[in-house]
Amino acid sequence: MEELPVLEPAGVGGGPEAFGGRRPDWLKVRLPAGGTYNRLKELMREERLHTVCEEAHCPNIGECWTAGTATFMILGDVCTRACAFCAVKSGRPTWLDEDEPRRVAESIARMEIIHAVITSVDRDDLADGGAHVFAETIRQTRAMCSETSIEVLIPDFQGNWEALAMVMAAQPEILNHNVETVRRLYRRVRPRADLDQSLELLRRARQLDPGTQTKTGFMVGLGETFDELRELMAMIRDAEVEILTMGQYLRPSPKHHELVRYYHPDEFAQLREEALALGFRWVESGPLVRSSYHAERQVDRDRLIGRLRSA
């Protein structure tokens, strides 16, 4: 296989110092604004809902919210873990609202969302990691919006496969769980997670319901090598994952993991071609790609129609 180029810091990639401490032009986005954006923000506050768009400082919030889509974050806004890349606040959660699934479902209905993405903080303080809330949110959303496809971006549930089965029994269209980075960097980037456990979760999800598409994603720019990325993509494909997302890591604050390298859009394009050659059905790869970016395009609508007809 042809080697990816090692680009020199001459305006086409390289470390942050190559750009004088500023982001490259291909990472600049417009500030969020507009009537739809403001309406969604008001709706979130009114319903006391959280979105990963805001909590994780997603660079695509303007594009997605203006288009009338959002990724709901259930189970509160305090995470029991403190991953080195993540902007979501960590600590000891004190909040659990069993009525949240209804409020999320009603908001999805009011927003007339075609494809709903539901994620959460890690809730290692709960016996099932919050799996029952995920499952109930899927069920209530489907009851109120039968033609809305549903994607869930779940934590690893600490390897609790009964919790995973609970979510899969609710039959989301897409089951997403991000591996985030290459094996060598796990101890620093995801100190309380395990790559093999994440891959096993994806593999088991596929076995529990072959009709649900599985999906994962990772960041680049944390200090990985191209060969490590290739190895990671091969392991993900071996777990029969269908959808893959790859995006640029952007350091939320000086307290977070160092940003080692900016990848040029051409490098993302080549990574995408290599991933497609491995057999992934859908690959999103680009500097601003995040897990939920263009998620509505990734749904296999024929499977959704088949499920609705058999229900």
Protein backbone atom coordinates (compact mmCIF):
# COMPACT_ATOMS: atom_id res chain seq x y z
CA MET A 1 0.00 0.00 0.00
CA GLU A 2 1.35 3.44 -0.89
CA GLU A 3 2.63 5.40 2.07
CA LEU A 4 0.80 8.54 3.13
CA PRO A 5 3.04 11.58 2.61
CA VAL A 6 4.82 13.08 5.59
CA LEU A 7 3.95 16.68 4.91
CA GLU A 8 6.40 19.42 5.84
CA PRO A 9 5.04 22.40 7.85
CA ALA A 10 4.85 24.70 4.82
CA GLY A 11 1.18 25.58 4.79
CA VAL A 12 -0.16 22.08 4.03
CA GLY A 13 -0.10 20.36 7.42
CA GLY A 14 2.20 19.99 10.41
CA GLY A 15 2.31 21.06 14.03
CA PRO A 16 0.62 24.16 15.48
CA GLU A 17 3.90 26.08 15.28
CA ALA A 18 3.70 25.90 11.49
CA PHE A 19 0.65 28.19 11.63
CA GLY A 20 1.91 30.68 14.19
CA GLY A 21 -0.41 29.39 16.88
CA ARG A 22 -3.49 29.99 14.70
CA ARG A 23 -5.77 27.42 13.16
CA PRO A 24 -5.28 26.63 9.48
CA ASP A 25 -7.76 28.22 7.09
CA TRP A 26 -9.52 24.89 6.53
CA LEU A 27 -10.53 24.79 10.21
CA LYS A 28 -12.16 28.21 10.38
CA VAL A 29 -15.95 28.26 10.78
CA ARG A 30 -18.59 30.94 11.10
CA LEU A 31 -20.04 31.80 14.49
CA PRO A 32 -23.49 30.27 15.02
CA ALA A 33 -26.39 32.61 14.40
CA GLY A 34 -29.83 32.79 12.82
CA GLY A 35 -33.45 32.25 13.69
CA THR A 36 -33.39 28.44 13.63
CA TYR A 37 -30.25 28.31 15.78
CA ASN A 38 -31.78 30.65 18.37
CA ARG A 39 -35.08 28.75 18.35
CA LEU A 40 -33.33 25.45 19.04
CA LYS A 41 -31.28 26.98 21.81
CA GLU A 42 -34.43 28.33 23.45
CA LEU A 43 -36.12 24.93 23.11
CA MET A 44 -33.20 23.19 24.80
CA ARG A 45 -33.29 25.60 27.73
CA GLU A 46 -37.08 25.40 27.97
CA GLU A 47 -37.01 21.60 28.18
CA ARG A 48 -33.88 21.53 30.42
CA LEU A 49 -32.06 19.46 27.81
CA HIS A 50 -28.35 19.27 27.05
CA THR A 51 -26.65 18.87 23.68
CA VAL A 52 -23.19 17.54 23.00
CA CYS A 53 -23.02 20.29 20.35
CA GLU A 54 -22.66 22.85 23.14
CA GLU A 55 -20.97 20.79 25.86
CA ALA A 56 -18.19 19.49 23.57
CA HIS A 57 -17.67 22.85 21.79
CA CYS A 58 -18.42 21.26 18.42
CA PRO A 59 -17.18 23.42 15.51
CA ASN A 60 -20.21 22.41 13.40
CA ILE A 61 -22.87 23.69 15.80
CA GLY A 62 -23.75 26.60 13.51
CA GLU A 63 -24.16 24.44 10.41
CA CYS A 64 -26.11 21.69 12.15
CA TRP A 65 -28.41 23.85 14.28
CA THR A 66 -29.16 26.19 11.39
CA ALA A 67 -30.20 23.10 9.44
CA GLY A 68 -32.52 22.15 12.32
CA THR A 69 -30.59 19.15 13.66
CA ALA A 70 -28.92 18.54 17.02
CA THR A 71 -27.38 15.77 19.09
CA PHE A 72 -29.17 15.35 22.42
CA MET A 73 -27.08 14.52 25.47
CA ILE A 74 -29.04 12.60 28.09
CA LEU A 75 -28.19 11.64 31.69
CA GLY A 76 -27.02 15.11 32.67
CA ASP A 77 -23.96 17.17 31.82
CA VAL A 78 -21.46 15.84 34.38
CA CYS A 79 -19.29 12.90 33.29
CA THR A 80 -17.80 10.38 35.73
CA ARG A 81 -14.65 10.21 33.60
CA ALA A 82 -12.09 12.85 32.68
CA CYS A 83 -10.78 11.93 29.23
CA ALA A 84 -7.84 14.09 28.18
CA PHE A 85 -9.48 15.26 24.93
CA CYS A 86 -13.00 16.09 26.11
CA ALA A 87 -14.49 19.47 27.02
CA VAL A 88 -17.48 18.02 28.91
CA LYS A 89 -17.15 18.70 32.63
CA SER A 90 -16.34 15.78 34.89
CA GLY A 91 -17.17 15.03 38.51
CA ARG A 92 -19.77 13.21 40.58
CA PRO A 93 -23.23 13.41 38.99
CA THR A 94 -26.14 14.08 41.32
CA TRP A 95 -28.88 14.17 38.69
CA LEU A 96 -31.02 11.46 37.11
CA ASP A 97 -34.38 12.29 35.58
CA GLU A 98 -36.45 9.27 34.61
CA ASP A 99 -38.82 11.61 32.74
CA GLU A 100 -36.04 12.77 30.42
CA PRO A 101 -36.90 10.27 27.62
CA ARG A 102 -40.35 11.83 27.25
CA ARG A 103 -38.98 15.37 27.10
CA VAL A 104 -36.34 14.41 24.54
CA ALA A 105 -38.92 12.61 22.39
CA GLU A 106 -41.33 15.55 22.54
CA SER A 107 -38.54 17.95 21.56
CA ILE A 108 -37.57 15.77 18.60
CA ALA A 109 -41.21 15.79 17.51
CA ARG A 110 -41.48 19.58 17.86
CA MET A 111 -38.28 20.06 15.87
CA GLU A 112 -39.54 17.64 13.17
CA ILE A 113 -36.17 15.94 13.08
CA ILE A 114 -35.64 13.32 10.37
CA HIS A 115 -32.67 11.67 12.10
CA ALA A 116 -32.23 11.96 15.87
CA VAL A 117 -28.85 11.45 17.52
CA ILE A 118 -28.85 10.65 21.24
CA THR A 119 -25.69 10.45 23.32
CA SER A 120 -24.70 10.81 26.96
CA VAL A 121 -21.97 11.46 29.44
CA ASP A 122 -20.40 8.40 31.07
CA ARG A 123 -22.44 7.41 34.12
CA ASP A 124 -20.23 4.83 35.83
CA ASP A 125 -22.14 5.62 39.03
CA LEU A 126 -25.23 3.82 37.68
CA ALA A 127 -25.46 0.03 37.73
CA ASP A 128 -26.37 -0.14 34.02
CA GLY A 129 -24.47 2.99 32.99
CA GLY A 130 -27.77 4.61 32.02
CA ALA A 131 -28.68 1.95 29.44
CA HIS A 132 -32.33 1.88 30.52
CA VAL A 133 -32.63 5.64 29.85
CA PHE A 134 -31.18 5.17 26.36
CA ALA A 135 -33.63 2.35 25.66
CA GLU A 136 -36.63 4.31 26.93
CA THR A 137 -35.61 7.38 24.93
CA ILE A 138 -35.50 5.26 21.77
CA ARG A 139 -38.91 3.75 22.50
CA GLN A 140 -40.60 7.06 23.30
CA THR A 141 -39.06 8.79 20.30
CA ARG A 142 -40.25 6.01 18.00
CA ALA A 143 -43.74 6.16 19.50
CA MET A 144 -44.01 9.91 18.84
CA CYS A 145 -42.03 10.07 15.58
CA SER A 146 -42.39 6.74 13.83
CA GLU A 147 -40.52 7.80 10.67
CA THR A 148 -37.60 9.42 12.49
CA SER A 149 -34.45 7.31 12.33
CA ILE A 150 -32.58 7.03 15.62
CA GLU A 151 -28.87 6.89 16.29
CA VAL A 152 -27.42 6.37 19.75
CA LEU A 153 -23.82 7.20 20.63
CA ILE A 154 -23.27 5.15 23.77
CA PRO A 155 -20.51 4.80 26.38
CA ASP A 156 -18.78 1.45 26.95
CA PHE A 157 -21.00 0.60 29.97
CA GLN A 158 -17.77 -0.74 31.56
CA GLY A 159 -18.21 -3.95 29.60
CA ASN A 160 -21.70 -4.62 30.97
CA TRP A 161 -23.10 -6.64 28.06
CA GLU A 162 -26.56 -6.90 29.65
CA ALA A 163 -26.71 -3.10 29.52
CA LEU A 164 -25.74 -3.20 25.85
CA ALA A 165 -28.43 -5.79 25.16
CA MET A 166 -31.00 -3.49 26.80
CA VAL A 167 -30.16 -0.73 24.31
CA MET A 168 -30.07 -3.08 21.34
CA ALA A 169 -33.48 -4.50 22.24
CA ALA A 170 -34.94 -1.04 21.52
CA GLN A 171 -33.59 -1.33 17.94
CA PRO A 172 -31.89 1.96 17.07
CA GLU A 173 -31.10 2.38 13.39
CA ILE A 174 -27.45 3.16 14.20
CA LEU A 175 -25.44 2.05 17.26
CA ASN A 176 -22.40 4.29 17.62
CA HIS A 177 -19.53 3.95 20.07
CA ASN A 178 -16.32 5.86 19.44
CA VAL A 179 -12.88 4.28 19.85
CA GLU A 180 -11.37 7.81 19.77
CA THR A 181 -7.66 7.01 19.25
CA VAL A 182 -4.99 4.39 18.56
CA ARG A 183 -3.99 1.77 21.11
CA ARG A 184 -0.66 3.35 22.11
CA LEU A 185 -2.32 6.59 23.21
CA TYR A 186 -5.17 5.08 25.23
CA ARG A 187 -3.55 5.39 28.65
CA ARG A 188 -3.10 9.13 28.17
CA VAL A 189 -6.20 9.95 26.13
CA ARG A 190 -8.81 7.54 27.57
CA PRO A 191 -7.28 6.35 30.88
CA ARG A 192 -10.46 4.63 32.11
CA ALA A 193 -11.34 2.96 28.81
CA ASP A 194 -9.99 -0.01 26.89
CA LEU A 195 -9.72 -0.34 23.11
CA ASP A 196 -10.37 -4.08 23.07
CA GLN A 197 -13.49 -3.60 25.20
CA SER A 198 -14.78 -0.93 22.82
CA LEU A 199 -14.19 -3.18 19.82
CA GLU A 200 -15.93 -6.04 21.60
CA LEU A 201 -18.92 -3.79 22.29
CA LEU A 202 -19.21 -2.98 18.59
CA ARG A 203 -18.84 -6.64 17.65
CA ARG A 204 -21.51 -7.74 20.16
CA ALA A 205 -23.91 -5.00 19.05
CA ARG A 206 -23.69 -6.34 15.53
CA GLN A 207 -24.41 -9.87 16.75
CA LEU A 208 -27.33 -8.80 18.95
CA ASP A 209 -29.14 -7.10 16.06
CA PRO A 210 -27.69 -7.45 12.54
CA GLY A 211 -30.36 -5.01 11.36
CA THR A 212 -28.77 -2.17 13.31
CA GLN A 213 -25.84 -0.46 11.62
CA THR A 214 -22.74 -0.08 13.79
CA LYS A 215 -20.56 2.99 13.71
CA THR A 216 -17.42 4.34 15.36
CA GLY A 217 -14.97 7.20 15.00
CA PHE A 218 -11.60 8.53 16.05
CA MET A 219 -9.58 11.74 16.13
CA VAL A 220 -6.24 12.49 14.51
CA GLY A 221 -3.56 14.92 15.61
CA LEU A 222 -2.87 13.45 19.06
CA GLY A 223 0.54 12.04 18.14
CA GLU A 224 -0.44 8.84 16.31
CA THR A 225 1.37 7.55 13.23
CA PHE A 226 -0.21 6.73 9.89
CA ASP A 227 0.62 3.05 10.35
CA GLU A 228 -1.21 3.10 13.71
CA LEU A 229 -4.25 4.61 12.00
CA ARG A 230 -4.20 1.88 9.39
CA GLU A 231 -3.97 -0.77 12.10
CA LEU A 232 -6.88 0.81 13.97
CA MET A 233 -9.06 0.97 10.84
CA ALA A 234 -8.37 -2.70 10.14
CA MET A 235 -9.34 -3.70 13.70
CA ILE A 236 -12.54 -1.70 13.46
CA ARG A 237 -13.47 -3.34 10.18
CA ASP A 238 -12.72 -6.77 11.67
CA ALA A 239 -15.45 -5.96 14.21
CA GLU A 240 -17.84 -5.62 11.21
CA VAL A 241 -18.43 -1.92 11.75
CA GLU A 242 -20.15 -0.31 8.74
CA ILE A 243 -19.72 3.43 9.32
CA LEU A 244 -16.51 5.25 10.22
CA THR A 245 -15.85 8.91 11.07
CA MET A 246 -12.43 10.60 11.23
CA GLY A 247 -11.82 14.19 12.29
CA GLN A 248 -9.18 16.60 13.53
CA TYR A 249 -8.57 16.84 17.28
CA LEU A 250 -8.91 20.42 18.51
CA ARG A 251 -7.57 21.12 21.98
CA PRO A 252 -10.39 22.50 24.17
CA SER A 253 -8.01 24.18 26.65
CA PRO A 254 -4.36 24.15 27.78
CA LYS A 255 -5.36 21.56 30.42
CA HIS A 256 -6.26 19.02 27.75
CA HIS A 257 -4.06 16.70 25.69
CA GLU A 258 -1.52 18.43 23.47
CA LEU A 259 -2.42 19.05 19.83
CA VAL A 260 0.53 17.50 18.01
CA ARG A 261 -0.41 17.92 14.36
CA TYR A 262 -2.93 19.42 11.98
CA TYR A 263 -3.88 17.08 9.12
CA HIS A 264 -4.41 18.60 5.69
CA PRO A 265 -7.73 17.89 3.88
CA ASP A 266 -5.78 15.90 1.28
CA GLU A 267 -4.59 13.53 4.01
CA PHE A 268 -8.15 13.05 5.22
CA ALA A 269 -9.16 12.26 1.66
CA GLN A 270 -6.49 9.59 1.38
CA LEU A 271 -7.46 8.09 4.74
CA ARG A 272 -11.04 7.92 3.48
CA GLU A 273 -9.98 6.04 0.36
CA GLU A 274 -8.01 3.53 2.42
CA ALA A 275 -10.97 3.03 4.76
CA LEU A 276 -13.37 2.44 1.86
CA ALA A 277 -10.92 -0.08 0.43
CA LEU A 278 -11.23 -2.03 3.71
CA GLY A 279 -14.98 -2.43 3.11
CA PHE A 280 -16.68 0.27 5.21
CA ARG A 281 -20.09 1.15 3.79
CA TRP A 282 -19.79 4.83 4.69
CA VAL A 283 -16.78 6.97 5.66
CA GLU A 284 -16.85 10.60 6.81
CA SER A 285 -13.29 11.97 6.88
CA GLY A 286 -12.33 15.62 7.15
CA PRO A 287 -10.88 18.27 9.45
CA LEU A 288 -14.26 19.33 10.88
CA VAL A 289 -15.88 15.88 10.95
CA ARG A 290 -17.33 14.89 14.29
CA SER A 291 -19.27 11.79 15.23
CA SER A 292 -22.69 13.19 14.33
CA TYR A 293 -21.62 15.19 11.29
CA HIS A 294 -23.92 14.39 8.32
CA ALA A 295 -25.36 11.56 10.42
CA GLU A 296 -28.70 11.77 8.64
CA ARG A 297 -27.00 10.77 5.37
CA GLN A 298 -25.58 7.58 6.86
CA VAL A 299 -28.88 5.84 7.58
CA ASP A 300 -29.81 2.86 5.47
CA ARG A 301 -33.37 4.00 4.75
CA ASP A 302 -34.35 0.66 3.21
CA ARG A 303 -33.69 -1.04 6.57
CA LEU A 304 -35.76 1.60 8.37
CA ILE A 305 -38.69 1.14 5.99
CA GLY A 306 -38.44 -2.63 6.44
CA ARG A 307 -38.59 -2.26 10.22
CA LEU A 308 -41.60 0.04 10.05
CA ARG A 309 -43.44 -2.42 7.82
CA SER A 310 -42.70 -5.37 10.08
CA ALA A 311 -43.60 -3.54 13.30
